[in-house]
N, C-alpha and C. Protein backbone atom coordinates (compact mmCIF):
# COMPACT_ATOMS: atom_id res chain seq x y z
N MET A 1 -6.00 -17.94 -10.29
CA MET A 1 -5.05 -16.60 -8.58
C MET A 1 -4.10 -15.30 -9.32
N ASN A 2 -4.94 -14.64 -8.40
CA ASN A 2 -4.11 -13.07 -8.52
C ASN A 2 -2.88 -12.58 -7.85
N ASP A 3 -1.47 -12.41 -8.14
CA ASP A 3 -0.61 -11.63 -7.26
C ASP A 3 -0.53 -10.17 -7.42
N PHE A 4 -0.37 -10.03 -5.54
CA PHE A 4 -0.05 -7.98 -5.85
C PHE A 4 0.67 -8.35 -4.26
N LYS A 5 1.20 -6.90 -4.37
CA LYS A 5 1.72 -6.46 -3.57
C LYS A 5 1.27 -5.61 -2.89
N ILE A 6 1.31 -5.76 -1.14
CA ILE A 6 0.50 -4.82 -0.41
C ILE A 6 2.18 -3.68 0.71
N ILE A 7 1.81 -2.58 1.06
CA ILE A 7 2.62 -1.85 1.14
C ILE A 7 2.31 -1.32 2.44
N ILE A 8 3.37 -1.81 3.78
CA ILE A 8 2.81 -1.72 4.66
C ILE A 8 4.09 -0.08 5.69
N GLU A 9 3.32 0.43 5.93
CA GLU A 9 3.93 1.95 6.00
C GLU A 9 4.13 1.99 8.06
N LYS A 10 5.49 2.27 8.19
CA LYS A 10 5.22 2.66 10.02
C LYS A 10 4.60 4.06 10.84
N HIS A 11 4.48 4.12 10.52
CA HIS A 11 3.94 5.88 11.50
C HIS A 11 4.47 6.42 13.07
N GLU A 12 4.14 7.13 13.44
CA GLU A 12 4.19 7.29 15.07
C GLU A 12 3.07 6.91 15.53
N ASP A 13 2.15 7.00 15.58
CA ASP A 13 0.46 5.89 15.68
C ASP A 13 0.29 5.26 15.41
N GLY A 14 1.11 4.12 14.56
CA GLY A 14 0.76 2.60 14.11
C GLY A 14 1.13 2.26 12.18
N PHE A 15 0.33 1.76 11.99
CA PHE A 15 0.33 1.32 10.54
C PHE A 15 -0.65 1.48 9.83
N VAL A 16 0.28 1.59 8.26
CA VAL A 16 -0.94 1.98 7.34
C VAL A 16 -0.71 1.12 5.54
N ALA A 17 -1.56 0.22 5.68
CA ALA A 17 -1.37 -0.72 4.15
C ALA A 17 -2.72 -1.05 3.55
N TYR A 18 -1.49 -0.58 2.40
CA TYR A 18 -2.77 -0.29 1.39
C TYR A 18 -2.23 -1.18 -0.09
N PRO A 19 -2.82 -2.17 -1.41
CA PRO A 19 -2.55 -2.81 -1.70
C PRO A 19 -2.05 -1.80 -3.40
N LEU A 20 -1.61 -2.56 -3.72
CA LEU A 20 -0.86 -2.14 -5.18
C LEU A 20 -1.65 -2.82 -6.30
N GLY A 21 -1.82 -2.24 -8.00
CA GLY A 21 -2.63 -3.03 -8.39
C GLY A 21 -3.93 -3.49 -8.39
N LEU A 22 -4.63 -2.26 -7.57
CA LEU A 22 -5.48 -3.22 -7.43
C LEU A 22 -6.60 -1.88 -7.62
N LYS A 23 -7.51 -1.83 -8.29
CA LYS A 23 -8.34 0.24 -9.13
C LYS A 23 -8.92 0.26 -7.58
N GLY A 24 -9.50 1.19 -7.35
CA GLY A 24 -9.88 2.07 -5.69
C GLY A 24 -9.10 1.57 -4.82
N VAL A 25 -9.93 2.35 -4.14
CA VAL A 25 -8.92 2.36 -2.34
C VAL A 25 -8.97 1.56 -1.55
N VAL A 26 -8.24 1.42 -1.27
CA VAL A 26 -8.56 -0.27 0.22
C VAL A 26 -7.24 0.11 0.57
N VAL A 27 -7.44 0.42 2.04
CA VAL A 27 -6.25 1.15 3.41
C VAL A 27 -7.11 -0.39 4.29
N GLY A 28 -5.77 -0.22 4.89
CA GLY A 28 -6.08 -1.11 6.11
C GLY A 28 -5.13 -0.19 7.74
N GLN A 29 -5.26 -0.71 8.41
CA GLN A 29 -4.32 -0.37 9.92
C GLN A 29 -4.95 -0.84 11.38
N GLY A 30 -2.85 -0.72 11.90
CA GLY A 30 -3.17 -1.91 12.27
C GLY A 30 -2.23 -0.91 14.08
N ASP A 31 -2.43 -1.29 14.73
CA ASP A 31 -1.27 -0.87 16.16
C ASP A 31 -0.04 -1.39 16.17
N SER A 32 0.14 -2.72 15.12
CA SER A 32 1.41 -3.41 15.04
C SER A 32 1.05 -3.03 13.73
N TYR A 33 2.88 -3.77 12.78
CA TYR A 33 2.71 -4.52 11.28
C TYR A 33 1.39 -5.71 11.12
N GLU A 34 2.04 -6.31 12.04
CA GLU A 34 0.67 -8.11 12.07
C GLU A 34 -0.69 -7.45 11.56
N GLY A 35 -0.72 -6.52 12.27
CA GLY A 35 -2.48 -5.71 12.89
C GLY A 35 -2.64 -5.92 11.55
N ALA A 36 -1.88 -4.77 11.02
CA ALA A 36 -2.60 -4.22 9.53
C ALA A 36 -1.82 -4.73 8.67
N LEU A 37 -0.95 -5.78 8.47
CA LEU A 37 -0.92 -6.93 6.78
C LEU A 37 -2.77 -7.66 7.45
N ALA A 38 -3.06 -8.11 8.90
CA ALA A 38 -4.27 -8.84 9.02
C ALA A 38 -5.86 -8.02 8.40
N ASP A 39 -5.84 -6.52 8.47
CA ASP A 39 -6.62 -5.63 8.47
C ASP A 39 -6.48 -5.90 7.04
N ILE A 40 -5.62 -5.19 6.33
CA ILE A 40 -5.70 -5.18 4.66
C ILE A 40 -5.61 -6.24 4.09
N LYS A 41 -5.17 -7.66 4.35
CA LYS A 41 -6.11 -8.81 3.77
C LYS A 41 -6.93 -8.50 3.63
N SER A 42 -8.33 -8.39 4.67
CA SER A 42 -9.35 -8.55 5.12
C SER A 42 -10.25 -7.76 3.67
N ALA A 43 -9.57 -6.24 4.08
CA ALA A 43 -10.72 -5.46 3.67
C ALA A 43 -10.31 -5.17 1.63
N THR A 44 -8.56 -6.47 1.26
CA THR A 44 -9.30 -6.51 -0.53
C THR A 44 -9.40 -7.65 -0.44
N ARG A 45 -10.53 -9.24 0.33
CA ARG A 45 -10.86 -9.56 0.29
C ARG A 45 -11.89 -9.33 0.48
N PHE A 46 -12.60 -7.96 0.84
CA PHE A 46 -13.90 -7.48 0.74
C PHE A 46 -14.07 -7.22 -0.19
N HIS A 47 -12.89 -6.55 -1.04
CA HIS A 47 -12.90 -5.04 -1.91
C HIS A 47 -13.50 -6.64 -3.06
N ILE A 48 -12.59 -7.30 -3.26
CA ILE A 48 -12.26 -8.47 -4.09
C ILE A 48 -13.73 -9.34 -4.33
N GLU A 49 -14.81 -10.02 -3.53
CA GLU A 49 -15.51 -10.77 -3.10
C GLU A 49 -17.69 -9.56 -3.87
N THR A 50 -16.63 -8.24 -3.10
CA THR A 50 -18.04 -7.21 -3.50
C THR A 50 -17.45 -6.62 -5.13
N PHE A 51 -16.46 -6.04 -5.96
CA PHE A 51 -16.00 -5.82 -7.32
C PHE A 51 -15.73 -6.08 -8.91
N GLY A 52 -15.83 -7.31 -7.73
CA GLY A 52 -15.15 -9.17 -8.73
C GLY A 52 -13.59 -8.81 -9.52
N ASP A 53 -13.05 -9.25 -9.84
CA ASP A 53 -12.13 -9.75 -10.54
C ASP A 53 -11.90 -8.70 -11.85
N GLU A 54 -12.60 -7.87 -11.99
CA GLU A 54 -12.22 -6.62 -12.65
C GLU A 54 -11.34 -5.21 -11.86
N VAL A 55 -11.71 -5.17 -10.64
CA VAL A 55 -10.34 -4.59 -9.52
C VAL A 55 -9.09 -4.54 -9.99
N PHE A 56 -8.74 -5.33 -10.67
CA PHE A 56 -6.84 -5.94 -10.68
C PHE A 56 -6.50 -4.94 -11.92
N GLU A 57 -5.99 -4.51 -11.97
CA GLU A 57 -4.98 -3.48 -12.81
C GLU A 57 -4.30 -5.10 -14.16
N THR A 58 -4.64 -4.75 -15.02
CA THR A 58 -3.95 -5.80 -16.48
C THR A 58 -3.04 -5.09 -16.49
N ASP A 59 -3.42 -3.83 -17.18
CA ASP A 59 -2.97 -3.46 -18.58
C ASP A 59 -1.48 -2.76 -18.07
N SER A 60 -0.83 -2.88 -17.24
CA SER A 60 0.24 -2.49 -16.08
C SER A 60 0.48 -2.96 -14.52
N PRO A 61 1.15 -4.21 -14.65
CA PRO A 61 0.83 -4.56 -13.53
C PRO A 61 2.44 -4.63 -12.48
N VAL A 62 2.14 -4.50 -11.24
CA VAL A 62 3.70 -3.27 -10.56
C VAL A 62 4.64 -4.65 -10.18
N LEU A 63 6.06 -5.00 -10.89
CA LEU A 63 6.12 -6.37 -11.21
C LEU A 63 7.39 -5.80 -9.55
N GLU A 64 7.79 -4.66 -8.92
CA GLU A 64 8.75 -4.54 -8.10
C GLU A 64 7.74 -3.04 -7.11
N THR A 65 8.30 -2.76 -6.76
CA THR A 65 8.30 -1.69 -5.43
C THR A 65 9.84 -1.24 -4.77
N PHE A 66 9.89 -0.06 -5.36
CA PHE A 66 11.12 0.54 -4.65
C PHE A 66 11.21 1.54 -3.45
N VAL A 67 11.76 1.36 -2.43
CA VAL A 67 11.54 3.35 -2.07
C VAL A 67 13.40 3.54 -2.19
N ALA A 68 12.84 4.55 -2.54
CA ALA A 68 14.13 6.05 -2.24
C ALA A 68 13.86 7.21 -1.53
N GLU A 69 15.27 7.25 -0.52
CA GLU A 69 14.93 8.55 0.51
C GLU A 69 15.70 9.76 -0.49
N THR A 70 14.87 10.96 1.04
CA THR A 70 15.53 12.03 -0.61
C THR A 70 16.47 13.32 0.56
N PRO A 71 17.68 13.91 -0.13
CA PRO A 71 17.93 15.12 1.65
C PRO A 71 16.49 15.86 1.77
N ASN A 72 16.83 16.22 3.11
CA ASN A 72 15.19 16.89 3.97
C ASN A 72 15.44 18.11 2.99
N ASN A 73 16.51 18.57 2.33
CA ASN A 73 15.68 20.05 1.88
C ASN A 73 15.21 19.43 0.17
N PHE A 74 15.50 18.83 -0.52
CA PHE A 74 15.10 17.85 -1.54
C PHE A 74 12.98 18.37 -1.27
N ARG A 75 12.45 19.53 -2.29
CA ARG A 75 11.89 19.90 -2.62
C ARG A 75 11.00 19.21 -4.74
N PRO A 76 10.71 18.94 -4.92
CA PRO A 76 10.17 18.34 -6.13
C PRO A 76 9.73 20.64 -6.87
N ALA A 77 9.88 20.14 -7.87
CA ALA A 77 10.00 21.64 -8.53
C ALA A 77 7.81 21.58 -8.72
N ARG A 78 7.60 23.09 -8.67
CA ARG A 78 5.94 23.15 -8.71
C ARG A 78 5.08 21.78 -8.52
N CYS A 79 5.67 21.64 -7.75
CA CYS A 79 4.89 20.27 -6.23
C CYS A 79 3.80 20.20 -4.91
N CYS A 80 3.10 20.51 -4.96
CA CYS A 80 2.89 20.44 -3.13
C CYS A 80 3.53 18.89 -3.01
N VAL A 81 4.23 19.01 -1.49
CA VAL A 81 4.79 17.68 -1.17
C VAL A 81 4.14 17.22 0.08
N ASN A 82 3.93 15.56 -0.26
CA ASN A 82 2.50 15.83 1.12
C ASN A 82 2.86 15.25 2.89
N PRO A 83 3.01 15.93 3.12
CA PRO A 83 3.99 15.72 4.53
C PRO A 83 3.56 13.95 5.64
N THR A 84 2.65 13.17 4.75
CA THR A 84 2.09 11.99 5.17
C THR A 84 3.37 11.18 4.69
N VAL A 85 3.38 11.16 3.28
CA VAL A 85 4.64 10.64 3.12
C VAL A 85 6.23 11.09 3.36
N GLU A 86 6.12 12.32 3.93
CA GLU A 86 8.21 12.66 5.06
C GLU A 86 8.04 12.18 5.49
N LYS A 87 7.28 11.73 5.75
CA LYS A 87 6.81 11.22 8.01
C LYS A 87 7.37 10.12 7.58
N SER A 88 6.79 9.12 6.38
CA SER A 88 7.04 7.60 6.39
C SER A 88 8.57 7.37 6.69
N ARG A 89 9.62 6.79 7.93
CA ARG A 89 9.99 5.88 7.39
C ARG A 89 10.99 4.67 7.28
N ASN A 90 10.03 4.05 7.82
CA ASN A 90 9.79 3.14 7.87
C ASN A 90 9.45 1.74 6.96
N ILE A 91 9.37 1.57 5.23
CA ILE A 91 8.46 0.71 4.99
C ILE A 91 8.51 -0.43 4.28
N TYR A 92 7.70 -1.13 4.62
CA TYR A 92 7.58 -2.92 4.12
C TYR A 92 6.49 -3.69 3.42
N GLN A 93 7.92 -4.02 2.06
CA GLN A 93 6.84 -4.80 1.36
C GLN A 93 5.69 -6.25 1.70
N SER A 94 5.44 -6.59 1.40
CA SER A 94 4.35 -8.56 1.56
C SER A 94 3.58 -8.29 0.25
N GLU A 95 4.17 -10.12 0.50
CA GLU A 95 2.85 -10.44 -1.45
C GLU A 95 1.37 -11.20 -0.84
N LEU A 96 0.19 -11.02 -1.16
CA LEU A 96 -0.99 -11.47 -0.58
C LEU A 96 -1.30 -11.79 -2.78
N LYS A 97 -1.50 -13.18 -1.87
CA LYS A 97 -2.62 -14.19 -3.43
C LYS A 97 -3.40 -14.43 -2.60
N TYR A 98 -4.59 -14.15 -3.86
CA TYR A 98 -5.64 -14.21 -4.33
C TYR A 98 -6.17 -15.24 -4.49
N ASP A 99 -7.07 -16.30 -3.83
CA ASP A 99 -7.48 -17.17 -4.89
C ASP A 99 -9.08 -16.89 -5.46
C-alpha cells in the first residue's frame, strides 16, 4: 500500500485537487471539497491502474505539506508569478491510501 497526499485548492468557481508524490499529471475538480476529493481519487486510481506502481515517486517522497502566505507586494526575483496560485486562499490537505 502506498500513501500520498492530495492538495485541494478552493477557487472562486470551485475546487481543484491534485496528488503529490505521483509521476505524471493527475487533476480533479468539483463544485465542493467532497466533489473534488472524489474526482481526484477516481482519477488517481485510473492513473495507477493504467501506468502501474512505477508512477509512485520513491526517490524523494513528500513527508509534509506546508502553505505559506506572502505579502501582497511580494514578487520573486527573475520569475513569473502564476496568477492561479496567487488566487488560491484556502488549501486543504487530505491523505489517500491506495491498495
